[in-house]
Amino acid sequence: MAQPLVIDLYADPVCPWCWLGKRRLEAALAARPDVEATLRVQPFLLDPSTPPEGFERAAYLEAKFEDPERLRAAQDQLTALGRDEGIAYLFAEIERYPSTVDAHRALLWAAEEGPLAQSALLERLFEAYFTEGEDISDHAVIGRAAEDAGLDADTLLERLETDDDVDMVRDAAERARAIGVTGVPCFIFQEKLVVMGAHPPEVLVEAIDRALGDEDDAEA
């Protein structure tokens, strides 16, 4: 029988390392077909101070990375690593650094349809931002991503026009930091084993085996 495994992924759709980490996790799970994994995407805000209208991305990154060469090197590294995982990072296409509160609300609601729907929406939001240069705070962009993920985009757009779950998203992101999630991606396996960072698939396979092994030991 397949071994059940719950994985909480703390991520932000504007975090390029989170997309890489998600893809590497999927590769790790593909290497363990005997594991029946449930992936739960949890809110994290890279910059909780981001206003609803976001920032002009070039100015924001210039302030964050005082050394442009350091930023360029990081983007070049990510581009190369992403290519290995089938990711097309097109950083030059991105004009805005958006607030992701509404994207996280959409992810929260996608989970009502199940973890596969939520994972599909996160994937589509990553692609919209990092490959297509879309502003993922724009409700129309979120709606198209939801439709591509097989969700009811009309209902989701109606909910986005309200303030439903804004506080829930912000509170959840604050709780993440309170429990020690200081950077993303962060994976928590079986609610006990924490792995921070976009590690290669083989490292995540070891984490999967360890989480399941620890559980077997606990049951013995």
C-alpha atoms as a PDB file:
ATOM      1  CA  MET A   1       0.000   0.000   0.000  1.00  0.00           C
ATOM      2  CA  ALA A   2       1.060   3.574  -0.679  1.00  0.00           C
ATOM      3  CA  GLN A   3       2.470   5.397   2.328  1.00  0.00           C
ATOM      4  CA  PRO A   4       0.561   8.607   3.136  1.00  0.00           C
ATOM      5  CA  LEU A   5       2.656  11.726   3.540  1.00  0.00           C
ATOM      6  CA  VAL A   6       1.488  15.256   4.338  1.00  0.00           C
ATOM      7  CA  ILE A   7       3.766  18.067   3.151  1.00  0.00           C
ATOM      8  CA  ASP A   8       3.172  21.695   4.082  1.00  0.00           C
ATOM      9  CA  LEU A   9       4.831  24.040   1.620  1.00  0.00           C
ATOM     10  CA  TYR A  10       5.296  27.598   2.826  1.00  0.00           C
ATOM     11  CA  ALA A  11       5.748  29.721  -0.261  1.00  0.00           C
ATOM     12  CA  ASP A  12       5.063  33.091  -1.865  1.00  0.00           C
ATOM     13  CA  PRO A  13       4.201  33.329  -5.584  1.00  0.00           C
ATOM     14  CA  VAL A  14       6.752  36.151  -6.002  1.00  0.00           C
ATOM     15  CA  CYS A  15       9.583  33.958  -4.686  1.00  0.00           C
ATOM     16  CA  PRO A  16      11.572  32.438  -7.576  1.00  0.00           C
ATOM     17  CA  TRP A  17      13.242  29.920  -5.265  1.00  0.00           C
ATOM     18  CA  CYS A  18       9.778  28.696  -4.251  1.00  0.00           C
ATOM     19  CA  TRP A  19       8.969  27.694  -7.833  1.00  0.00           C
ATOM     20  CA  LEU A  20      12.283  25.880  -8.080  1.00  0.00           C
ATOM     21  CA  GLY A  21      11.657  24.182  -4.727  1.00  0.00           C
ATOM     22  CA  LYS A  22       8.177  23.063  -5.751  1.00  0.00           C
ATOM     23  CA  ARG A  23       9.468  21.540  -8.977  1.00  0.00           C
ATOM     24  CA  ARG A  24      12.266  19.773  -7.119  1.00  0.00           C
ATOM     25  CA  LEU A  25       9.777  18.408  -4.601  1.00  0.00           C
ATOM     26  CA  GLU A  26       7.691  17.045  -7.469  1.00  0.00           C
ATOM     27  CA  ALA A  27      10.805  15.352  -8.860  1.00  0.00           C
ATOM     28  CA  ALA A  28      11.511  13.854  -5.442  1.00  0.00           C
ATOM     29  CA  LEU A  29       7.969  12.516  -5.168  1.00  0.00           C
ATOM     30  CA  ALA A  30       8.213  11.071  -8.679  1.00  0.00           C
ATOM     31  CA  ALA A  31      11.223   9.114  -7.432  1.00  0.00           C
ATOM     32  CA  ARG A  32       9.088   7.681  -4.629  1.00  0.00           C
ATOM     33  CA  PRO A  33       5.949   6.358  -6.381  1.00  0.00           C
ATOM     34  CA  ASP A  34       5.144   4.303  -3.265  1.00  0.00           C
ATOM     35  CA  VAL A  35       4.362   7.531  -1.394  1.00  0.00           C
ATOM     36  CA  GLU A  36       0.905   9.083  -1.543  1.00  0.00           C
ATOM     37  CA  ALA A  37       1.659  12.713  -0.833  1.00  0.00           C
ATOM     38  CA  THR A  38      -0.761  15.492   0.057  1.00  0.00           C
ATOM     39  CA  LEU A  39       0.737  18.910  -0.590  1.00  0.00           C
ATOM     40  CA  ARG A  40      -0.744  21.819   1.354  1.00  0.00           C
ATOM     41  CA  VAL A  41       0.343  25.301   0.301  1.00  0.00           C
ATOM     42  CA  GLN A  42       0.636  27.654   3.271  1.00  0.00           C
ATOM     43  CA  PRO A  43       0.772  31.466   3.101  1.00  0.00           C
ATOM     44  CA  PHE A  44       4.028  33.351   3.461  1.00  0.00           C
ATOM     45  CA  LEU A  45       4.621  37.013   2.589  1.00  0.00           C
ATOM     46  CA  LEU A  46       8.180  37.799   1.560  1.00  0.00           C
ATOM     47  CA  ASP A  47       7.527  41.467   2.220  1.00  0.00           C
ATOM     48  CA  PRO A  48       4.440  42.003   4.399  1.00  0.00           C
ATOM     49  CA  SER A  49       4.825  45.777   3.979  1.00  0.00           C
ATOM     50  CA  THR A  50       4.080  45.643   0.248  1.00  0.00           C
ATOM     51  CA  PRO A  51       1.099  47.940  -0.433  1.00  0.00           C
ATOM     52  CA  PRO A  52      -1.895  46.684  -2.467  1.00  0.00           C
ATOM     53  CA  GLU A  53      -0.615  48.516  -5.549  1.00  0.00           C
ATOM     54  CA  GLY A  54       2.827  46.936  -5.213  1.00  0.00           C
ATOM     55  CA  PHE A  55       6.100  48.508  -6.315  1.00  0.00           C
ATOM     56  CA  GLU A  56       7.903  49.223  -9.528  1.00  0.00           C
ATOM     57  CA  ARG A  57      10.114  46.131  -9.535  1.00  0.00           C
ATOM     58  CA  ALA A  58      13.383  47.612 -10.800  1.00  0.00           C
ATOM     59  CA  ALA A  59      13.361  50.329  -8.127  1.00  0.00           C
ATOM     60  CA  TYR A  60      12.333  47.858  -5.438  1.00  0.00           C
ATOM     61  CA  LEU A  61      15.165  45.462  -6.271  1.00  0.00           C
ATOM     62  CA  GLU A  62      17.653  48.288  -6.613  1.00  0.00           C
ATOM     63  CA  ALA A  63      16.854  49.301  -3.041  1.00  0.00           C
ATOM     64  CA  LYS A  64      16.947  45.700  -1.805  1.00  0.00           C
ATOM     65  CA  PHE A  65      20.132  44.692  -3.646  1.00  0.00           C
ATOM     66  CA  GLU A  66      22.489  47.633  -3.471  1.00  0.00           C
ATOM     67  CA  ASP A  67      24.973  45.766  -5.663  1.00  0.00           C
ATOM     68  CA  PRO A  68      23.443  45.265  -9.147  1.00  0.00           C
ATOM     69  CA  GLU A  69      26.095  42.680  -9.975  1.00  0.00           C
ATOM     70  CA  ARG A  70      24.941  40.563  -7.036  1.00  0.00           C
ATOM     71  CA  LEU A  71      21.353  40.721  -8.274  1.00  0.00           C
ATOM     72  CA  ARG A  72      22.376  39.863 -11.814  1.00  0.00           C
ATOM     73  CA  ALA A  73      24.434  36.897 -10.603  1.00  0.00           C
ATOM     74  CA  ALA A  74      21.497  35.611  -8.527  1.00  0.00           C
ATOM     75  CA  GLN A  75      19.137  35.867 -11.477  1.00  0.00           C
ATOM     76  CA  ASP A  76      21.625  34.144 -13.784  1.00  0.00           C
ATOM     77  CA  GLN A  77      22.000  31.333 -11.260  1.00  0.00           C
ATOM     78  CA  LEU A  78      18.244  30.930 -10.946  1.00  0.00           C
ATOM     79  CA  THR A  79      17.789  30.970 -14.704  1.00  0.00           C
ATOM     80  CA  ALA A  80      20.294  28.130 -15.096  1.00  0.00           C
ATOM     81  CA  LEU A  81      18.885  26.097 -12.207  1.00  0.00           C
ATOM     82  CA  GLY A  82      15.344  26.646 -13.418  1.00  0.00           C
ATOM     83  CA  ARG A  83      16.180  25.444 -16.902  1.00  0.00           C
ATOM     84  CA  ASP A  84      17.194  22.090 -15.403  1.00  0.00           C
ATOM     85  CA  GLU A  85      13.708  21.796 -13.849  1.00  0.00           C
ATOM     86  CA  GLY A  86      11.784  22.948 -16.925  1.00  0.00           C
ATOM     87  CA  ILE A  87      11.269  26.482 -15.605  1.00  0.00           C
ATOM     88  CA  ALA A  88      11.635  29.534 -17.847  1.00  0.00           C
ATOM     89  CA  TYR A  89      12.555  32.499 -15.677  1.00  0.00           C
ATOM     90  CA  LEU A  90      12.249  35.666 -17.772  1.00  0.00           C
ATOM     91  CA  PHE A  91      13.155  38.280 -15.188  1.00  0.00           C
ATOM     92  CA  ALA A  92      13.464  41.054 -17.768  1.00  0.00           C
ATOM     93  CA  GLU A  93       9.742  40.720 -18.522  1.00  0.00           C
ATOM     94  CA  ILE A  94       8.666  41.550 -14.943  1.00  0.00           C
ATOM     95  CA  GLU A  95       7.719  45.181 -14.334  1.00  0.00           C
ATOM     96  CA  ARG A  96       5.946  45.076 -10.963  1.00  0.00           C
ATOM     97  CA  TYR A  97       6.664  43.671  -7.523  1.00  0.00           C
ATOM     98  CA  PRO A  98       3.078  42.947  -6.496  1.00  0.00           C
ATOM     99  CA  SER A  99       1.285  42.355  -3.254  1.00  0.00           C
ATOM    100  CA  THR A 100       0.418  38.651  -3.064  1.00  0.00           C
ATOM    101  CA  VAL A 101      -2.308  38.832  -0.434  1.00  0.00           C
ATOM    102  CA  ASP A 102      -5.037  38.304  -3.043  1.00  0.00           C
ATOM    103  CA  ALA A 103      -3.070  35.517  -4.725  1.00  0.00           C
ATOM    104  CA  HIS A 104      -2.828  33.819  -1.338  1.00  0.00           C
ATOM    105  CA  ARG A 105      -6.558  34.269  -0.803  1.00  0.00           C
ATOM    106  CA  ALA A 106      -7.148  32.538  -4.130  1.00  0.00           C
ATOM    107  CA  LEU A 107      -4.809  29.716  -3.092  1.00  0.00           C
ATOM    108  CA  LEU A 108      -6.680  29.387   0.193  1.00  0.00           C
ATOM    109  CA  TRP A 109      -9.967  29.030  -1.671  1.00  0.00           C
ATOM    110  CA  ALA A 110      -8.461  26.659  -4.233  1.00  0.00           C
ATOM    111  CA  ALA A 111      -7.676  24.307  -1.345  1.00  0.00           C
ATOM    112  CA  GLU A 112     -11.433  23.940  -0.879  1.00  0.00           C
ATOM    113  CA  GLU A 113     -11.362  21.988  -4.161  1.00  0.00           C
ATOM    114  CA  GLY A 114      -8.470  19.849  -2.953  1.00  0.00           C
ATOM    115  CA  PRO A 115      -4.668  19.930  -2.812  1.00  0.00           C
ATOM    116  CA  LEU A 116      -4.228  19.178  -6.522  1.00  0.00           C
ATOM    117  CA  ALA A 117      -6.270  22.241  -7.468  1.00  0.00           C
ATOM    118  CA  GLN A 118      -4.303  24.388  -5.055  1.00  0.00           C
ATOM    119  CA  SER A 119      -0.985  23.109  -6.379  1.00  0.00           C
ATOM    120  CA  ALA A 120      -2.110  23.723  -9.964  1.00  0.00           C
ATOM    121  CA  LEU A 121      -3.059  27.307  -9.156  1.00  0.00           C
ATOM    122  CA  LEU A 122       0.272  27.979  -7.459  1.00  0.00           C
ATOM    123  CA  GLU A 123       2.093  26.597 -10.483  1.00  0.00           C
ATOM    124  CA  ARG A 124       0.075  28.805 -12.799  1.00  0.00           C
ATOM    125  CA  LEU A 125       0.710  31.899 -10.668  1.00  0.00           C
ATOM    126  CA  PHE A 126       4.452  31.218 -10.759  1.00  0.00           C
ATOM    127  CA  GLU A 127       4.332  30.918 -14.537  1.00  0.00           C
ATOM    128  CA  ALA A 128       2.212  34.054 -14.942  1.00  0.00           C
ATOM    129  CA  TYR A 129       4.673  36.095 -12.907  1.00  0.00           C
ATOM    130  CA  PHE A 130       8.103  34.720 -13.738  1.00  0.00           C
ATOM    131  CA  THR A 131       7.616  33.682 -17.357  1.00  0.00           C
ATOM    132  CA  GLU A 132       4.846  35.949 -18.619  1.00  0.00           C
ATOM    133  CA  GLY A 133       5.658  39.039 -16.553  1.00  0.00           C
ATOM    134  CA  GLU A 134       2.060  39.419 -15.360  1.00  0.00           C
ATOM    135  CA  ASP A 135       1.042  41.411 -12.287  1.00  0.00           C
ATOM    136  CA  ILE A 136      -0.357  38.659 -10.074  1.00  0.00           C
ATOM    137  CA  SER A 137      -2.101  41.153  -7.802  1.00  0.00           C
ATOM    138  CA  ASP A 138      -4.400  41.948 -10.749  1.00  0.00           C
ATOM    139  CA  HIS A 139      -7.686  40.132 -10.215  1.00  0.00           C
ATOM    140  CA  ALA A 140      -8.045  39.433 -13.932  1.00  0.00           C
ATOM    141  CA  VAL A 141      -4.642  37.719 -13.942  1.00  0.00           C
ATOM    142  CA  ILE A 142      -5.559  35.659 -10.868  1.00  0.00           C
ATOM    143  CA  GLY A 143      -8.866  34.747 -12.527  1.00  0.00           C
ATOM    144  CA  ARG A 144      -7.149  33.515 -15.693  1.00  0.00           C
ATOM    145  CA  ALA A 145      -4.720  31.499 -13.598  1.00  0.00           C
ATOM    146  CA  ALA A 146      -7.628  29.984 -11.697  1.00  0.00           C
ATOM    147  CA  GLU A 147      -9.419  29.084 -14.918  1.00  0.00           C
ATOM    148  CA  ASP A 148      -6.256  27.470 -16.283  1.00  0.00           C
ATOM    149  CA  ALA A 149      -6.034  25.479 -13.048  1.00  0.00           C
ATOM    150  CA  GLY A 150      -9.569  24.163 -13.580  1.00  0.00           C
ATOM    151  CA  LEU A 151     -11.231  26.313 -10.929  1.00  0.00           C
ATOM    152  CA  ASP A 152     -14.441  28.311 -11.055  1.00  0.00           C
ATOM    153  CA  ALA A 153     -12.894  31.649 -11.998  1.00  0.00           C
ATOM    154  CA  ASP A 154     -16.157  33.622 -11.891  1.00  0.00           C
ATOM    155  CA  THR A 155     -16.883  32.667  -8.291  1.00  0.00           C
ATOM    156  CA  LEU A 156     -13.284  33.293  -7.286  1.00  0.00           C
ATOM    157  CA  LEU A 157     -13.348  36.765  -8.859  1.00  0.00           C
ATOM    158  CA  GLU A 158     -16.521  37.592  -6.982  1.00  0.00           C
ATOM    159  CA  ARG A 159     -14.856  36.592  -3.712  1.00  0.00           C
ATOM    160  CA  LEU A 160     -11.778  38.675  -4.524  1.00  0.00           C
ATOM    161  CA  GLU A 161     -13.967  41.786  -4.689  1.00  0.00           C
ATOM    162  CA  THR A 162     -14.679  41.317  -0.968  1.00  0.00           C
ATOM    163  CA  ASP A 163     -12.336  41.476   2.028  1.00  0.00           C
ATOM    164  CA  ASP A 164     -12.955  37.806   2.823  1.00  0.00           C
ATOM    165  CA  ASP A 165      -9.943  36.113   4.411  1.00  0.00           C
ATOM    166  CA  VAL A 166      -7.535  39.042   4.036  1.00  0.00           C
ATOM    167  CA  ASP A 167      -6.904  38.928   7.774  1.00  0.00           C
ATOM    168  CA  MET A 168      -6.690  35.138   7.675  1.00  0.00           C
ATOM    169  CA  VAL A 169      -3.895  35.264   5.098  1.00  0.00           C
ATOM    170  CA  ARG A 170      -1.947  37.926   6.980  1.00  0.00           C
ATOM    171  CA  ASP A 171      -2.409  36.128  10.305  1.00  0.00           C
ATOM    172  CA  ALA A 172      -1.291  32.813   8.797  1.00  0.00           C
ATOM    173  CA  ALA A 173       1.807  34.460   7.341  1.00  0.00           C
ATOM    174  CA  GLU A 174       2.631  35.961  10.733  1.00  0.00           C
ATOM    175  CA  ARG A 175       2.159  32.586  12.426  1.00  0.00           C
ATOM    176  CA  ALA A 176       4.565  31.055   9.944  1.00  0.00           C
ATOM    177  CA  ARG A 177       7.276  33.461  11.045  1.00  0.00           C
ATOM    178  CA  ALA A 178       6.351  32.871  14.687  1.00  0.00           C
ATOM    179  CA  ILE A 179       6.979  29.137  14.353  1.00  0.00           C
ATOM    180  CA  GLY A 180      10.361  29.743  12.736  1.00  0.00           C
ATOM    181  CA  VAL A 181       9.651  29.921   9.023  1.00  0.00           C
ATOM    182  CA  THR A 182      12.059  32.737   8.258  1.00  0.00           C
ATOM    183  CA  GLY A 183      12.582  31.983   4.585  1.00  0.00           C
ATOM    184  CA  VAL A 184      10.909  30.132   1.767  1.00  0.00           C
ATOM    185  CA  PRO A 185      10.465  27.650   0.313  1.00  0.00           C
ATOM    186  CA  CYS A 186      10.013  25.791   3.569  1.00  0.00           C
ATOM    187  CA  PHE A 187       8.777  22.211   3.624  1.00  0.00           C
ATOM    188  CA  ILE A 188       7.359  20.569   6.723  1.00  0.00           C
ATOM    189  CA  PHE A 189       6.942  16.819   6.344  1.00  0.00           C
ATOM    190  CA  GLN A 190       4.343  15.068   8.515  1.00  0.00           C
ATOM    191  CA  GLU A 191       4.074  18.236  10.620  1.00  0.00           C
ATOM    192  CA  LYS A 192       7.448  17.520  12.224  1.00  0.00           C
ATOM    193  CA  LEU A 193      10.437  17.471   9.847  1.00  0.00           C
ATOM    194  CA  VAL A 194      11.415  20.920   8.547  1.00  0.00           C
ATOM    195  CA  VAL A 195      13.494  21.499   5.427  1.00  0.00           C
ATOM    196  CA  MET A 196      14.187  25.084   4.364  1.00  0.00           C
ATOM    197  CA  GLY A 197      15.404  25.967   0.907  1.00  0.00           C
ATOM    198  CA  ALA A 198      15.106  24.750  -2.676  1.00  0.00           C
ATOM    199  CA  HIS A 199      17.281  21.690  -2.169  1.00  0.00           C
ATOM    200  CA  PRO A 200      18.004  19.200  -4.965  1.00  0.00           C
ATOM    201  CA  PRO A 201      15.515  16.338  -5.352  1.00  0.00           C
ATOM    202  CA  GLU A 202      17.830  13.791  -3.754  1.00  0.00           C
ATOM    203  CA  VAL A 203      17.919  15.833  -0.535  1.00  0.00           C
ATOM    204  CA  LEU A 204      14.130  15.990  -0.509  1.00  0.00           C
ATOM    205  CA  VAL A 205      13.917  12.240  -1.119  1.00  0.00           C
ATOM    206  CA  GLU A 206      16.052  11.750   1.991  1.00  0.00           C
ATOM    207  CA  ALA A 207      13.674  14.025   3.915  1.00  0.00           C
ATOM    208  CA  ILE A 208      10.680  12.033   2.692  1.00  0.00           C
ATOM    209  CA  ASP A 209      12.280   8.773   3.754  1.00  0.00           C
ATOM    210  CA  ARG A 210      13.294  10.198   7.099  1.00  0.00           C
ATOM    211  CA  ALA A 211       9.807  11.563   7.810  1.00  0.00           C
ATOM    212  CA  LEU A 212       8.217   8.237   6.960  1.00  0.00           C
ATOM    213  CA  GLY A 213      10.911   6.296   8.783  1.00  0.00           C
ATOM    214  CA  ASP A 214      10.493   8.348  11.933  1.00  0.00           C
ATOM    215  CA  GLU A 215       6.787   7.621  11.800  1.00  0.00           C
ATOM    216  CA  ASP A 216       7.448   3.904  11.430  1.00  0.00           C
ATOM    217  CA  ASP A 217       9.760   4.044  14.438  1.00  0.00           C
ATOM    218  CA  ALA A 218       7.099   5.877  16.419  1.00  0.00           C
ATOM    219  CA  GLU A 219       4.556   3.193  15.593  1.00  0.00           C
ATOM    220  CA  ALA A 220       6.861   0.314  16.406  1.00  0.00           C
END
